[in-house]
Amino acid sequence: MLDTKHYRLLLGLAALQLLLIALYIGVHQSNLSRMAAIAERQTFIQQSVQLEGLYREIVRSLAELSARNKDEALRAMLAAQGITVTVNPPAPAAAAGKEQK
């Protein structure tokens, strides 16, 4: 039979084990939620990379449209997004060739 000293020691060890199990479950749940958040961010990044070419074409088309139509509102909208549109003047060789004919 167990005496009181051994009983209390075993009871304390059992309580410690229950505490460690609860701690393990908490850490495991935290890791699962962090892994889910990381997976969600990774999916977003992968989708963004796939759409990068499309976004670039859209921005280029909008910039060309704003330059062609001299649309200041469209140019301001692009500037608000951090995109600067500069219009290159026509090449001098092309202008000189038209004047000689």
N, C-alpha and C. Protein backbone atom coordinates (compact mmCIF):
# COMPACT_ATOMS: atom_id res chain seq x y z
N MET A 1 0.83 -1.18 0.00
CA MET A 1 0.00 0.00 0.00
C MET A 1 0.87 1.25 0.00
N LEU A 2 0.24 2.33 -0.49
CA LEU A 2 0.94 3.60 -0.56
C LEU A 2 0.78 4.36 0.75
N ASP A 3 1.86 4.92 1.18
CA ASP A 3 1.74 5.81 2.33
C ASP A 3 1.39 7.21 1.83
N THR A 4 1.13 8.12 2.69
CA THR A 4 0.67 9.46 2.36
C THR A 4 1.71 10.22 1.54
N LYS A 5 2.95 10.02 1.85
CA LYS A 5 4.02 10.74 1.14
C LYS A 5 4.07 10.33 -0.33
N HIS A 6 4.00 9.04 -0.61
CA HIS A 6 4.02 8.55 -1.99
C HIS A 6 2.74 8.94 -2.73
N TYR A 7 1.62 8.89 -2.03
CA TYR A 7 0.34 9.26 -2.63
C TYR A 7 0.37 10.72 -3.11
N ARG A 8 0.84 11.62 -2.26
CA ARG A 8 0.91 13.03 -2.62
C ARG A 8 1.91 13.28 -3.76
N LEU A 9 3.00 12.54 -3.76
CA LEU A 9 3.98 12.66 -4.84
C LEU A 9 3.37 12.24 -6.17
N LEU A 10 2.67 11.10 -6.18
CA LEU A 10 2.02 10.64 -7.40
C LEU A 10 0.90 11.57 -7.82
N LEU A 11 0.17 12.11 -6.89
CA LEU A 11 -0.90 13.06 -7.19
C LEU A 11 -0.32 14.33 -7.79
N GLY A 12 0.78 14.82 -7.26
CA GLY A 12 1.44 16.00 -7.80
C GLY A 12 1.97 15.76 -9.20
N LEU A 13 2.56 14.59 -9.42
CA LEU A 13 3.05 14.25 -10.77
C LEU A 13 1.90 14.14 -11.77
N ALA A 14 0.77 13.59 -11.34
CA ALA A 14 -0.40 13.48 -12.22
C ALA A 14 -0.94 14.88 -12.57
N ALA A 15 -0.97 15.75 -11.58
CA ALA A 15 -1.43 17.13 -11.82
C ALA A 15 -0.47 17.84 -12.77
N LEU A 16 0.83 17.63 -12.60
CA LEU A 16 1.82 18.23 -13.48
C LEU A 16 1.66 17.69 -14.91
N GLN A 17 1.40 16.41 -15.03
CA GLN A 17 1.19 15.81 -16.35
C GLN A 17 -0.05 16.40 -17.03
N LEU A 18 -1.12 16.58 -16.30
CA LEU A 18 -2.33 17.19 -16.86
C LEU A 18 -2.06 18.63 -17.30
N LEU A 19 -1.28 19.34 -16.51
CA LEU A 19 -0.93 20.71 -16.87
C LEU A 19 -0.10 20.74 -18.15
N LEU A 20 0.86 19.83 -18.27
CA LEU A 20 1.69 19.76 -19.48
C LEU A 20 0.87 19.37 -20.70
N ILE A 21 -0.09 18.49 -20.53
CA ILE A 21 -0.97 18.10 -21.65
C ILE A 21 -1.80 19.30 -22.10
N ALA A 22 -2.34 20.05 -21.16
CA ALA A 22 -3.12 21.24 -21.50
C ALA A 22 -2.25 22.26 -22.22
N LEU A 23 -1.03 22.43 -21.76
CA LEU A 23 -0.10 23.35 -22.41
C LEU A 23 0.22 22.89 -23.83
N TYR A 24 0.45 21.59 -24.00
CA TYR A 24 0.72 21.04 -25.33
C TYR A 24 -0.45 21.28 -26.28
N ILE A 25 -1.66 21.05 -25.80
CA ILE A 25 -2.85 21.26 -26.64
C ILE A 25 -2.95 22.73 -27.04
N GLY A 26 -2.68 23.64 -26.12
CA GLY A 26 -2.74 25.07 -26.43
C GLY A 26 -1.71 25.46 -27.48
N VAL A 27 -0.49 24.97 -27.33
CA VAL A 27 0.57 25.28 -28.29
C VAL A 27 0.24 24.68 -29.65
N HIS A 28 -0.31 23.47 -29.65
CA HIS A 28 -0.68 22.81 -30.91
C HIS A 28 -1.76 23.60 -31.64
N GLN A 29 -2.76 24.06 -30.93
CA GLN A 29 -3.83 24.86 -31.53
C GLN A 29 -3.29 26.17 -32.09
N SER A 30 -2.38 26.78 -31.36
CA SER A 30 -1.77 28.03 -31.82
C SER A 30 -0.98 27.78 -33.11
N ASN A 31 -0.23 26.69 -33.15
CA ASN A 31 0.53 26.36 -34.36
C ASN A 31 -0.39 26.11 -35.55
N LEU A 32 -1.50 25.43 -35.32
CA LEU A 32 -2.45 25.16 -36.41
C LEU A 32 -3.02 26.45 -36.97
N SER A 33 -3.37 27.40 -36.08
CA SER A 33 -3.93 28.65 -36.57
C SER A 33 -2.88 29.46 -37.32
N ARG A 34 -1.64 29.44 -36.85
CA ARG A 34 -0.57 30.15 -37.55
C ARG A 34 -0.28 29.51 -38.90
N MET A 35 -0.29 28.20 -38.96
CA MET A 35 -0.06 27.52 -40.24
C MET A 35 -1.18 27.83 -41.24
N ALA A 36 -2.40 27.93 -40.76
CA ALA A 36 -3.52 28.28 -41.64
C ALA A 36 -3.35 29.70 -42.18
N ALA A 37 -2.93 30.63 -41.32
CA ALA A 37 -2.71 32.01 -41.77
C ALA A 37 -1.57 32.08 -42.78
N ILE A 38 -0.52 31.32 -42.56
CA ILE A 38 0.61 31.31 -43.49
C ILE A 38 0.18 30.72 -44.83
N ALA A 39 -0.60 29.66 -44.81
CA ALA A 39 -1.09 29.05 -46.05
C ALA A 39 -1.97 30.02 -46.82
N GLU A 40 -2.78 30.78 -46.10
CA GLU A 40 -3.65 31.77 -46.74
C GLU A 40 -2.83 32.86 -47.41
N ARG A 41 -1.79 33.35 -46.72
CA ARG A 41 -0.92 34.37 -47.31
C ARG A 41 -0.16 33.82 -48.50
N GLN A 42 0.29 32.57 -48.41
CA GLN A 42 1.02 31.97 -49.51
C GLN A 42 0.13 31.85 -50.75
N THR A 43 -1.11 31.47 -50.56
CA THR A 43 -2.05 31.39 -51.68
C THR A 43 -2.25 32.75 -52.31
N PHE A 44 -2.40 33.79 -51.49
CA PHE A 44 -2.58 35.15 -52.00
C PHE A 44 -1.38 35.58 -52.82
N ILE A 45 -0.17 35.28 -52.33
CA ILE A 45 1.05 35.66 -53.06
C ILE A 45 1.13 34.93 -54.38
N GLN A 46 0.82 33.64 -54.39
CA GLN A 46 0.87 32.88 -55.63
C GLN A 46 -0.13 33.41 -56.64
N GLN A 47 -1.32 33.77 -56.20
CA GLN A 47 -2.32 34.31 -57.10
C GLN A 47 -1.89 35.68 -57.61
N SER A 48 -1.25 36.48 -56.77
CA SER A 48 -0.79 37.80 -57.18
C SER A 48 0.28 37.69 -58.26
N VAL A 49 1.18 36.73 -58.12
CA VAL A 49 2.23 36.53 -59.10
C VAL A 49 1.63 36.13 -60.44
N GLN A 50 0.61 35.29 -60.41
CA GLN A 50 -0.05 34.86 -61.64
C GLN A 50 -0.73 36.03 -62.34
N LEU A 51 -1.25 36.99 -61.58
CA LEU A 51 -1.98 38.11 -62.16
C LEU A 51 -1.09 39.30 -62.47
N GLU A 52 0.19 39.24 -62.13
CA GLU A 52 1.08 40.38 -62.32
C GLU A 52 1.15 40.82 -63.77
N GLY A 53 1.25 39.89 -64.70
CA GLY A 53 1.30 40.24 -66.12
C GLY A 53 0.03 40.96 -66.58
N LEU A 54 -1.11 40.46 -66.11
CA LEU A 54 -2.38 41.10 -66.45
C LEU A 54 -2.45 42.52 -65.89
N TYR A 55 -2.04 42.69 -64.64
CA TYR A 55 -2.05 44.02 -64.02
C TYR A 55 -1.14 44.98 -64.79
N ARG A 56 0.02 44.48 -65.19
CA ARG A 56 0.97 45.32 -65.93
C ARG A 56 0.37 45.76 -67.26
N GLU A 57 -0.31 44.86 -67.95
CA GLU A 57 -0.95 45.21 -69.23
C GLU A 57 -2.07 46.22 -69.03
N ILE A 58 -2.84 46.06 -67.97
CA ILE A 58 -3.93 47.00 -67.68
C ILE A 58 -3.36 48.39 -67.43
N VAL A 59 -2.30 48.48 -66.62
CA VAL A 59 -1.70 49.77 -66.30
C VAL A 59 -1.12 50.40 -67.56
N ARG A 60 -0.44 49.59 -68.38
CA ARG A 60 0.15 50.12 -69.61
C ARG A 60 -0.94 50.64 -70.55
N SER A 61 -2.04 49.90 -70.67
CA SER A 61 -3.15 50.33 -71.52
C SER A 61 -3.77 51.62 -71.01
N LEU A 62 -3.94 51.71 -69.69
CA LEU A 62 -4.51 52.94 -69.12
C LEU A 62 -3.57 54.13 -69.34
N ALA A 63 -2.27 53.91 -69.21
CA ALA A 63 -1.30 54.99 -69.42
C ALA A 63 -1.33 55.44 -70.88
N GLU A 64 -1.37 54.49 -71.80
CA GLU A 64 -1.44 54.85 -73.23
C GLU A 64 -2.73 55.59 -73.54
N LEU A 65 -3.82 55.14 -72.96
CA LEU A 65 -5.11 55.80 -73.18
C LEU A 65 -5.09 57.22 -72.63
N SER A 66 -4.51 57.42 -71.45
CA SER A 66 -4.47 58.77 -70.89
C SER A 66 -3.58 59.68 -71.73
N ALA A 67 -2.50 59.15 -72.30
CA ALA A 67 -1.62 59.96 -73.15
C ALA A 67 -2.29 60.27 -74.48
N ARG A 68 -2.92 59.29 -75.08
CA ARG A 68 -3.55 59.46 -76.39
C ARG A 68 -4.70 60.46 -76.33
N ASN A 69 -5.52 60.36 -75.28
CA ASN A 69 -6.70 61.23 -75.17
C ASN A 69 -6.45 62.47 -74.33
N LYS A 70 -5.20 62.62 -73.83
CA LYS A 70 -4.85 63.75 -72.95
C LYS A 70 -5.85 63.85 -71.80
N ASP A 71 -6.11 62.70 -71.19
CA ASP A 71 -7.09 62.58 -70.11
C ASP A 71 -6.39 62.82 -68.76
N GLU A 72 -6.56 64.03 -68.23
CA GLU A 72 -5.90 64.39 -66.97
C GLU A 72 -6.52 63.65 -65.79
N ALA A 73 -7.81 63.35 -65.83
CA ALA A 73 -8.45 62.63 -64.72
C ALA A 73 -7.88 61.21 -64.62
N LEU A 74 -7.69 60.56 -65.75
CA LEU A 74 -7.11 59.22 -65.76
C LEU A 74 -5.65 59.26 -65.31
N ARG A 75 -4.93 60.27 -65.75
CA ARG A 75 -3.53 60.43 -65.34
C ARG A 75 -3.46 60.69 -63.83
N ALA A 76 -4.38 61.47 -63.28
CA ALA A 76 -4.42 61.74 -61.84
C ALA A 76 -4.75 60.47 -61.06
N MET A 77 -5.65 59.65 -61.60
CA MET A 77 -6.00 58.40 -60.94
C MET A 77 -4.78 57.47 -60.89
N LEU A 78 -4.03 57.40 -61.99
CA LEU A 78 -2.82 56.58 -62.01
C LEU A 78 -1.77 57.15 -61.05
N ALA A 79 -1.66 58.46 -60.99
CA ALA A 79 -0.70 59.08 -60.08
C ALA A 79 -1.07 58.81 -58.62
N ALA A 80 -2.36 58.75 -58.33
CA ALA A 80 -2.80 58.45 -56.97
C ALA A 80 -2.38 57.04 -56.56
N GLN A 81 -2.18 56.17 -57.53
CA GLN A 81 -1.74 54.81 -57.26
C GLN A 81 -0.21 54.68 -57.32
N GLY A 82 0.47 55.79 -57.53
CA GLY A 82 1.93 55.78 -57.56
C GLY A 82 2.51 55.51 -58.94
N ILE A 83 1.72 55.68 -59.97
CA ILE A 83 2.16 55.42 -61.35
C ILE A 83 2.26 56.75 -62.07
N THR A 84 3.46 57.09 -62.53
CA THR A 84 3.64 58.34 -63.26
C THR A 84 3.65 58.06 -64.75
N VAL A 85 2.96 58.89 -65.47
CA VAL A 85 2.85 58.74 -66.92
C VAL A 85 3.57 59.91 -67.56
N THR A 86 4.56 59.63 -68.39
CA THR A 86 5.26 60.67 -69.14
C THR A 86 5.05 60.40 -70.62
N VAL A 87 4.81 61.45 -71.35
CA VAL A 87 4.59 61.34 -72.79
C VAL A 87 5.87 61.73 -73.49
N ASN A 88 6.39 60.83 -74.29
CA ASN A 88 7.59 61.13 -75.07
C ASN A 88 7.20 61.96 -76.29
N PRO A 89 7.95 63.03 -76.59
CA PRO A 89 7.64 63.81 -77.79
C PRO A 89 7.95 62.97 -79.03
N PRO A 90 7.29 63.29 -80.15
CA PRO A 90 7.57 62.51 -81.36
C PRO A 90 9.03 62.64 -81.76
N ALA A 91 9.53 61.61 -82.39
CA ALA A 91 10.93 61.59 -82.79
C ALA A 91 11.19 62.67 -83.83
N PRO A 92 12.31 63.42 -83.74
CA PRO A 92 12.61 64.49 -84.68
C PRO A 92 12.79 63.99 -86.11
N ALA A 93 13.30 62.80 -86.30
CA ALA A 93 13.52 62.25 -87.64
C ALA A 93 12.19 62.06 -88.35
N ALA A 94 11.19 61.60 -87.64
CA ALA A 94 9.89 61.39 -88.27
C ALA A 94 9.24 62.72 -88.65
N ALA A 95 9.41 63.73 -87.82
CA ALA A 95 8.84 65.06 -88.13
C ALA A 95 9.58 65.68 -89.29
N ALA A 96 10.90 65.55 -89.36
CA ALA A 96 11.67 66.15 -90.45
C ALA A 96 11.36 65.45 -91.77
N GLY A 97 11.11 64.17 -91.75
CA GLY A 97 10.80 63.43 -92.97
C GLY A 97 9.46 63.86 -93.56
N LYS A 98 8.50 64.22 -92.73
CA LYS A 98 7.20 64.65 -93.20
C LYS A 98 7.28 66.04 -93.79
N GLU A 99 8.14 66.92 -93.24
CA GLU A 99 8.26 68.29 -93.74
C GLU A 99 8.91 68.33 -95.12
N GLN A 100 9.81 67.43 -95.44
CA GLN A 100 10.53 67.45 -96.70
C GLN A 100 9.63 67.00 -97.84
N LYS A 101 8.64 66.20 -97.63
CA LYS A 101 7.78 65.69 -98.72
C LYS A 101 6.87 66.71 -99.22
